[in-house]
Amino acid sequence: MPITPTKTLIVTIGEEGVPVIGEPVRLINPDGTPFGGVRKQAAEAPLDAASELPAVTAKVNAILAKLKTSGLLA
């Protein structure tokens, strides 16, 4: 059963260049169940206080790469 949109959502660019929808949105599947399309990301190992700057930088770069790969970050 094809579903036609019933409302146009306007996406604007908010603070720090982040896309924003100006009102709350609830996504549902065609059968009425909540949309579950969000992929869960594996938890990152926490950095401890003894970590040095290169280790922290490498960890942050790895997290950014995963976000870019998943499409959450441009």
Protein backbone atom coordinates (compact mmCIF):
# COMPACT_ATOMS: atom_id res chain seq x y z
CA MET A 1 0.00 0.00 0.00
CA PRO A 2 1.66 3.24 -1.09
CA ILE A 3 1.73 6.02 1.44
CA THR A 4 1.61 9.62 0.35
CA PRO A 5 3.09 12.36 2.51
CA THR A 6 0.55 14.36 4.42
CA LYS A 7 2.83 17.15 5.59
CA THR A 8 5.88 18.94 4.24
CA LEU A 9 8.72 19.19 6.73
CA ILE A 10 11.05 22.14 6.36
CA VAL A 11 14.66 21.53 7.32
CA THR A 12 16.73 24.57 8.19
CA ILE A 13 20.35 24.93 9.17
CA GLY A 14 20.67 25.60 12.91
CA GLU A 15 23.60 26.41 15.12
CA GLU A 16 26.96 25.07 13.99
CA GLY A 17 25.53 24.10 10.60
CA VAL A 18 23.37 21.27 11.97
CA PRO A 19 20.14 20.48 10.03
CA VAL A 20 17.06 21.12 12.19
CA ILE A 21 13.35 20.37 11.82
CA GLY A 22 11.35 23.12 13.50
CA GLU A 23 8.79 20.83 15.13
CA PRO A 24 8.68 17.38 16.75
CA VAL A 25 8.23 14.47 14.33
CA ARG A 26 7.14 10.88 14.98
CA LEU A 27 8.06 8.27 12.38
CA ILE A 28 5.92 5.16 12.02
CA ASN A 29 5.95 2.13 9.73
CA PRO A 30 3.06 1.54 7.28
CA ASP A 31 1.55 -0.94 9.77
CA GLY A 32 1.46 1.74 12.49
CA THR A 33 4.34 0.40 14.58
CA PRO A 34 7.14 2.78 15.63
CA PHE A 35 9.87 3.20 13.03
CA GLY A 36 12.97 1.29 14.10
CA GLY A 37 15.36 2.22 11.34
CA VAL A 38 18.05 3.65 13.58
CA ARG A 39 21.11 1.43 13.65
CA LYS A 40 22.71 0.91 17.02
CA GLN A 41 26.39 1.73 17.11
CA ALA A 42 28.77 -0.37 19.15
CA ALA A 43 29.91 1.38 22.31
CA GLU A 44 33.32 2.98 22.18
CA ALA A 45 35.87 2.07 24.83
CA PRO A 46 36.18 4.95 27.32
CA LEU A 47 39.38 6.96 27.43
CA ASP A 48 41.08 7.05 30.80
CA ALA A 49 42.82 9.99 32.45
CA ALA A 50 46.26 8.60 31.51
CA SER A 51 45.56 8.80 27.76
CA GLU A 52 47.92 11.00 25.84
CA LEU A 53 46.91 13.53 23.22
CA PRO A 54 47.77 11.31 20.19
CA ALA A 55 45.60 8.51 21.59
CA VAL A 56 42.70 10.89 22.18
CA THR A 57 43.10 12.42 18.72
CA ALA A 58 43.12 8.98 17.08
CA LYS A 59 40.00 7.95 19.02
CA VAL A 60 38.12 11.12 18.07
CA ASN A 61 39.12 10.72 14.42
CA ALA A 62 37.90 7.11 14.46
CA ILE A 63 34.55 8.16 15.93
CA LEU A 64 34.18 10.94 13.34
CA ALA A 65 34.97 8.48 10.54
CA LYS A 66 32.26 6.10 11.81
CA LEU A 67 29.75 8.96 11.97
CA LYS A 68 30.61 10.00 8.41
CA THR A 69 30.36 6.40 7.16
CA SER A 70 26.94 5.99 8.80
CA GLY A 71 25.71 9.22 7.20
CA LEU A 72 25.17 11.03 10.50
CA LEU A 73 27.93 13.53 9.78
CA ALA A 74 28.72 15.22 6.49
